[in-house]
Amino acid sequence: MNTVTTIESLRQILRGYMQLLERFHIRESALQNYLKAYPILLHPSYKIVNSQVRLGAEYVADFVIETYDGNYTLVEIEKPTDRLYLLNGIRHRH
């Protein structure tokens, strides 16, 4: 695959993701499935991406990403319509 083809493929992937984000009633599972199919959107230097990883008895990470340098990143995604913070700056609990 040449550079131009790679860039165009990335543009198409990004356009598809942007279209998902523009949907008002998008389900979080639809976002998870898209990101699972195109993990480059989560981290450009991913080695392994695991989804729905249990963190003890109480928590589940949407994604755990291992990079080639041996680091890990935990990702929790939310729907674009979810409020993360209240107007007073305090984190919204849902």
C-alpha atoms as a PDB file:
ATOM      1  CA  MET A   1       0.000   0.000   0.000  1.00  0.00           C
ATOM      2  CA  ASN A   2       1.519   3.344  -0.973  1.00  0.00           C
ATOM      3  CA  THR A   3       1.411   6.544   1.065  1.00  0.00           C
ATOM      4  CA  VAL A   4      -1.425   8.131  -0.920  1.00  0.00           C
ATOM      5  CA  THR A   5      -3.580   5.018  -0.540  1.00  0.00           C
ATOM      6  CA  THR A   6      -2.831   4.864   3.187  1.00  0.00           C
ATOM      7  CA  ILE A   7      -3.737   8.508   3.710  1.00  0.00           C
ATOM      8  CA  GLU A   8      -6.971   8.122   1.754  1.00  0.00           C
ATOM      9  CA  SER A   9      -7.867   5.010   3.774  1.00  0.00           C
ATOM     10  CA  LEU A  10      -7.300   6.938   7.015  1.00  0.00           C
ATOM     11  CA  ARG A  11      -9.470   9.789   5.737  1.00  0.00           C
ATOM     12  CA  GLN A  12     -12.307   7.351   4.986  1.00  0.00           C
ATOM     13  CA  ILE A  13     -12.006   5.781   8.437  1.00  0.00           C
ATOM     14  CA  LEU A  14     -12.083   9.216  10.058  1.00  0.00           C
ATOM     15  CA  ARG A  15     -15.065  10.330   7.955  1.00  0.00           C
ATOM     16  CA  GLY A  16     -16.977   7.221   9.034  1.00  0.00           C
ATOM     17  CA  TYR A  17     -16.201   7.941  12.678  1.00  0.00           C
ATOM     18  CA  MET A  18     -17.265  11.569  12.350  1.00  0.00           C
ATOM     19  CA  GLN A  19     -20.560  10.432  10.826  1.00  0.00           C
ATOM     20  CA  LEU A  20     -21.145   8.186  13.843  1.00  0.00           C
ATOM     21  CA  LEU A  21     -20.427  11.061  16.236  1.00  0.00           C
ATOM     22  CA  GLU A  22     -22.942  13.278  14.453  1.00  0.00           C
ATOM     23  CA  ARG A  23     -25.807  10.878  15.185  1.00  0.00           C
ATOM     24  CA  PHE A  24     -27.877  12.200  18.069  1.00  0.00           C
ATOM     25  CA  HIS A  25     -29.008   8.834  19.435  1.00  0.00           C
ATOM     26  CA  ILE A  26     -25.821   6.840  18.878  1.00  0.00           C
ATOM     27  CA  ARG A  27     -25.298   3.917  21.216  1.00  0.00           C
ATOM     28  CA  GLU A  28     -21.962   3.596  22.973  1.00  0.00           C
ATOM     29  CA  SER A  29     -21.678   0.033  21.649  1.00  0.00           C
ATOM     30  CA  ALA A  30     -21.708   1.371  18.056  1.00  0.00           C
ATOM     31  CA  LEU A  31     -18.765   3.637  18.885  1.00  0.00           C
ATOM     32  CA  GLN A  32     -16.953   0.754  20.587  1.00  0.00           C
ATOM     33  CA  ASN A  33     -17.450  -1.508  17.585  1.00  0.00           C
ATOM     34  CA  TYR A  34     -16.131   1.127  15.183  1.00  0.00           C
ATOM     35  CA  LEU A  35     -13.088   1.857  17.338  1.00  0.00           C
ATOM     36  CA  LYS A  36     -12.445  -1.862  17.746  1.00  0.00           C
ATOM     37  CA  ALA A  37     -12.499  -2.249  13.953  1.00  0.00           C
ATOM     38  CA  TYR A  38     -10.197   0.776  13.459  1.00  0.00           C
ATOM     39  CA  PRO A  39      -7.925   0.947  16.532  1.00  0.00           C
ATOM     40  CA  ILE A  40      -5.633   3.460  14.854  1.00  0.00           C
ATOM     41  CA  LEU A  41      -8.217   6.051  15.945  1.00  0.00           C
ATOM     42  CA  LEU A  42      -7.457   5.145  19.566  1.00  0.00           C
ATOM     43  CA  HIS A  43      -3.662   5.210  19.363  1.00  0.00           C
ATOM     44  CA  PRO A  44      -1.416   5.587  16.313  1.00  0.00           C
ATOM     45  CA  SER A  45       1.263   3.198  17.627  1.00  0.00           C
ATOM     46  CA  TYR A  46      -0.916   0.438  19.028  1.00  0.00           C
ATOM     47  CA  LYS A  47       0.398  -3.097  19.215  1.00  0.00           C
ATOM     48  CA  ILE A  48      -2.588  -4.807  20.831  1.00  0.00           C
ATOM     49  CA  VAL A  49      -6.044  -3.414  21.589  1.00  0.00           C
ATOM     50  CA  ASN A  50      -8.345  -5.324  23.932  1.00  0.00           C
ATOM     51  CA  SER A  51     -11.926  -4.277  24.534  1.00  0.00           C
ATOM     52  CA  GLN A  52     -14.192  -4.658  27.547  1.00  0.00           C
ATOM     53  CA  VAL A  53     -11.357  -5.496  29.959  1.00  0.00           C
ATOM     54  CA  ARG A  54     -12.316  -6.186  33.576  1.00  0.00           C
ATOM     55  CA  LEU A  55     -10.382  -4.166  36.136  1.00  0.00           C
ATOM     56  CA  GLY A  56     -11.139  -5.982  39.353  1.00  0.00           C
ATOM     57  CA  ALA A  57     -14.692  -6.763  40.371  1.00  0.00           C
ATOM     58  CA  GLU A  58     -16.143  -3.295  39.864  1.00  0.00           C
ATOM     59  CA  TYR A  59     -14.747  -1.675  36.725  1.00  0.00           C
ATOM     60  CA  VAL A  60     -14.539  -2.458  33.000  1.00  0.00           C
ATOM     61  CA  ALA A  61     -12.313  -0.472  30.650  1.00  0.00           C
ATOM     62  CA  ASP A  62     -13.732   0.047  27.185  1.00  0.00           C
ATOM     63  CA  PHE A  63     -10.243  -0.474  25.758  1.00  0.00           C
ATOM     64  CA  VAL A  64      -6.774  -1.338  27.008  1.00  0.00           C
ATOM     65  CA  ILE A  65      -4.104  -0.463  24.478  1.00  0.00           C
ATOM     66  CA  GLU A  66      -0.592  -1.872  24.533  1.00  0.00           C
ATOM     67  CA  THR A  67       1.923   0.107  22.470  1.00  0.00           C
ATOM     68  CA  TYR A  68       5.154  -1.103  20.905  1.00  0.00           C
ATOM     69  CA  ASP A  69       7.188   0.621  23.612  1.00  0.00           C
ATOM     70  CA  GLY A  70       5.497  -1.543  26.286  1.00  0.00           C
ATOM     71  CA  ASN A  71       3.185   1.129  27.695  1.00  0.00           C
ATOM     72  CA  TYR A  72      -0.525   0.691  28.301  1.00  0.00           C
ATOM     73  CA  THR A  73      -3.364   3.162  27.908  1.00  0.00           C
ATOM     74  CA  LEU A  74      -6.839   2.625  29.369  1.00  0.00           C
ATOM     75  CA  VAL A  75      -9.706   4.203  27.443  1.00  0.00           C
ATOM     76  CA  GLU A  76     -13.249   4.878  28.631  1.00  0.00           C
ATOM     77  CA  ILE A  77     -15.470   6.216  25.874  1.00  0.00           C
ATOM     78  CA  GLU A  78     -18.736   8.057  26.275  1.00  0.00           C
ATOM     79  CA  LYS A  79     -21.470   9.015  23.863  1.00  0.00           C
ATOM     80  CA  PRO A  80     -21.002  12.488  22.360  1.00  0.00           C
ATOM     81  CA  THR A  81     -24.225  13.598  24.060  1.00  0.00           C
ATOM     82  CA  ASP A  82     -23.137  12.550  27.585  1.00  0.00           C
ATOM     83  CA  ARG A  83     -22.304  15.387  29.927  1.00  0.00           C
ATOM     84  CA  LEU A  84     -18.893  14.936  31.499  1.00  0.00           C
ATOM     85  CA  TYR A  85     -19.007  18.013  33.734  1.00  0.00           C
ATOM     86  CA  LEU A  86     -21.701  20.110  35.345  1.00  0.00           C
ATOM     87  CA  LEU A  87     -21.851  23.856  34.734  1.00  0.00           C
ATOM     88  CA  ASN A  88     -19.983  24.482  38.007  1.00  0.00           C
ATOM     89  CA  GLY A  89     -17.049  22.351  36.798  1.00  0.00           C
ATOM     90  CA  ILE A  90     -17.737  19.332  38.985  1.00  0.00           C
ATOM     91  CA  ARG A  91     -17.557  15.964  37.236  1.00  0.00           C
ATOM     92  CA  HIS A  92     -20.998  14.618  36.328  1.00  0.00           C
ATOM     93  CA  ARG A  93     -21.732  11.205  37.842  1.00  0.00           C
ATOM     94  CA  HIS A  94     -23.860   8.811  35.801  1.00  0.00           C
END
